[in-house]
C-alpha cells in the first residue's frame, strides 16, 4: 500500500512557476513508476508526465514539453513536477499517481488527493 500526498499548488500569474511535490509513505515509491495527471473543470483527467521507478525515462505531454519537468528523489520518497512558463490553460487539479510506467490512468494503482493550480492571465 502506498499513500501519496501532493503539495505545492496555488495561485500564480501567467508566466510564473510552481513546483509540485508528491510525498509517498507506506511501501517505498521507488518500486513504482510515478506519474502526474491533471483535471481541469468540466474535463477528463489527463496525463501530464511520468518517470520510471529508477528516475530514468521521463516523459511529458507534448503541450507541456519544455515547460514542465518531472523528477524524483527516491532517497526522500518524493516525486516532483517543476512547472515553468505557466499558462491559464494549465489551471487544474494536479494528481500524483504510482504504478506501472505509461500514460494511461489504468496503469496507476495509487493516487493522491490532488493539489489545485490556478494560473491567472
Protein backbone atom coordinates (compact mmCIF):
# COMPACT_ATOMS: atom_id res chain seq x y z
CA UNK A 1 0.00 0.00 0.00
CA UNK A 2 1.26 3.47 -0.90
CA UNK A 3 -0.13 6.78 0.32
CA UNK A 4 0.62 9.82 -1.83
CA UNK A 5 0.29 13.43 -0.70
CA UNK A 6 0.70 16.30 -3.15
CA UNK A 7 1.69 19.82 -2.21
CA UNK A 8 2.91 23.00 -3.84
CA UNK A 9 -0.17 24.10 -5.71
CA UNK A 10 -1.51 27.63 -5.57
CA UNK A 11 -2.34 30.75 -7.49
CA UNK A 12 0.26 32.11 -9.90
CA UNK A 13 0.28 34.63 -12.73
CA UNK A 14 0.80 33.52 -16.30
CA UNK A 15 4.49 33.08 -16.99
CA UNK A 16 5.21 32.11 -13.41
CA UNK A 17 6.47 28.87 -11.92
CA UNK A 18 5.40 26.32 -9.36
CA UNK A 19 7.00 23.15 -8.06
CA UNK A 20 4.67 20.37 -7.09
CA UNK A 21 5.81 17.67 -4.70
CA UNK A 22 4.40 14.20 -4.14
CA UNK A 23 5.47 12.60 -0.89
CA UNK A 24 4.95 8.87 -0.53
CA UNK A 25 4.51 6.85 2.63
CA UNK A 26 3.95 3.17 3.18
CA UNK A 27 5.69 0.98 0.66
CA UNK A 28 8.62 2.78 -0.92
CA UNK A 29 7.67 4.69 -4.04
CA UNK A 30 10.97 3.69 -5.66
CA UNK A 31 9.30 0.39 -6.53
CA UNK A 32 6.88 2.17 -8.87
CA UNK A 33 6.82 4.41 -11.84
CA UNK A 34 5.20 7.70 -10.88
CA UNK A 35 3.02 9.96 -12.94
CA UNK A 36 1.32 13.32 -12.79
CA UNK A 37 -2.16 13.86 -14.15
CA UNK A 38 -4.41 16.90 -14.14
CA UNK A 39 -8.11 17.59 -14.32
CA UNK A 40 -9.48 20.93 -15.38
CA UNK A 41 -13.06 21.91 -14.52
CA UNK A 42 -15.53 20.04 -16.71
CA UNK A 43 -12.82 17.98 -18.39
CA UNK A 44 -11.46 14.46 -18.15
CA UNK A 45 -8.35 13.76 -16.11
CA UNK A 46 -5.39 13.81 -18.48
CA UNK A 47 -1.83 12.58 -18.40
CA UNK A 48 0.89 15.17 -17.84
CA UNK A 49 4.17 13.38 -17.12
CA UNK A 50 5.66 10.13 -15.95
CA UNK A 51 9.01 8.83 -14.80
CA UNK A 52 10.28 5.30 -14.32
CA UNK A 53 11.00 3.83 -10.92
CA UNK A 54 14.73 4.41 -11.28
CA UNK A 55 14.33 8.03 -12.32
CA UNK A 56 15.12 7.47 -15.97
CA UNK A 57 12.78 7.72 -18.92
CA UNK A 58 10.94 10.94 -18.05
CA UNK A 59 8.12 11.58 -20.49
CA UNK A 60 5.82 14.59 -20.69
CA UNK A 61 2.69 15.57 -22.56
CA UNK A 62 3.53 17.43 -25.77
CA UNK A 63 1.68 20.57 -24.68
CA UNK A 64 3.88 20.95 -21.61
CA UNK A 65 7.15 19.69 -23.07
CA UNK A 66 9.91 22.21 -22.47
CA UNK A 67 7.93 23.88 -19.68
CA UNK A 68 7.31 21.03 -17.20
CA UNK A 69 9.96 18.68 -15.82
CA UNK A 70 9.30 15.55 -13.79
CA UNK A 71 11.95 14.24 -11.42
CA UNK A 72 12.20 12.07 -8.37
CA UNK A 73 14.35 11.64 -5.29
CA UNK A 74 13.97 8.05 -4.15
CA UNK A 75 16.01 8.70 -1.03
CA UNK A 76 13.31 11.15 0.02
CA UNK A 77 10.46 9.04 -1.39
CA UNK A 78 9.32 12.12 -3.27
CA UNK A 79 8.46 12.96 -6.86
CA UNK A 80 8.42 16.50 -8.25
CA UNK A 81 6.84 18.38 -11.11
CA UNK A 82 8.59 21.63 -11.93
CA UNK A 83 6.24 23.84 -13.91
CA UNK A 84 7.62 26.92 -15.66
CA UNK A 85 6.09 29.43 -18.07
CA UNK A 86 2.65 28.57 -16.78
CA UNK A 87 -0.38 29.38 -18.89
CA UNK A 88 -4.03 29.85 -17.92
CA UNK A 89 -4.82 26.57 -19.68
CA UNK A 90 -2.60 24.78 -17.14
CA UNK A 91 -5.20 25.55 -14.48
CA UNK A 92 -6.36 22.25 -12.99
CA UNK A 93 -6.16 19.95 -10.03
CA UNK A 94 -2.92 18.02 -10.32
CA UNK A 95 -2.74 14.42 -9.12
CA UNK A 96 0.23 12.24 -8.38
CA UNK A 97 -0.03 8.51 -9.07
CA UNK A 98 2.14 5.42 -8.63
CA UNK A 99 2.04 2.21 -10.61
CA UNK A 100 3.33 0.92 -13.95
CA UNK A 101 5.11 3.21 -16.38
CA UNK A 102 2.81 4.63 -19.02
CA UNK A 103 0.39 7.39 -19.93
CA UNK A 104 -2.90 5.66 -19.14
CA UNK A 105 -4.76 6.21 -15.90
CA UNK A 106 -5.29 2.47 -15.69
CA UNK A 107 -1.50 1.96 -15.35
CA UNK A 108 -1.59 3.53 -11.89
CA UNK A 109 -2.84 1.84 -8.75
CA UNK A 110 -2.28 4.56 -6.16
CA UNK A 111 -3.46 8.16 -6.31
CA UNK A 112 -3.05 11.26 -4.19
CA UNK A 113 -5.86 13.64 -3.27
CA UNK A 114 -4.70 16.35 -5.67
CA UNK A 115 -3.37 19.88 -5.39
CA UNK A 116 -5.01 22.82 -7.14
CA UNK A 117 -3.09 25.02 -9.54
CA UNK A 118 -4.66 28.24 -10.77
CA UNK A 119 -2.93 30.37 -13.38
CA UNK A 120 -4.30 33.87 -13.83
CA UNK A 121 -3.95 35.79 -17.08
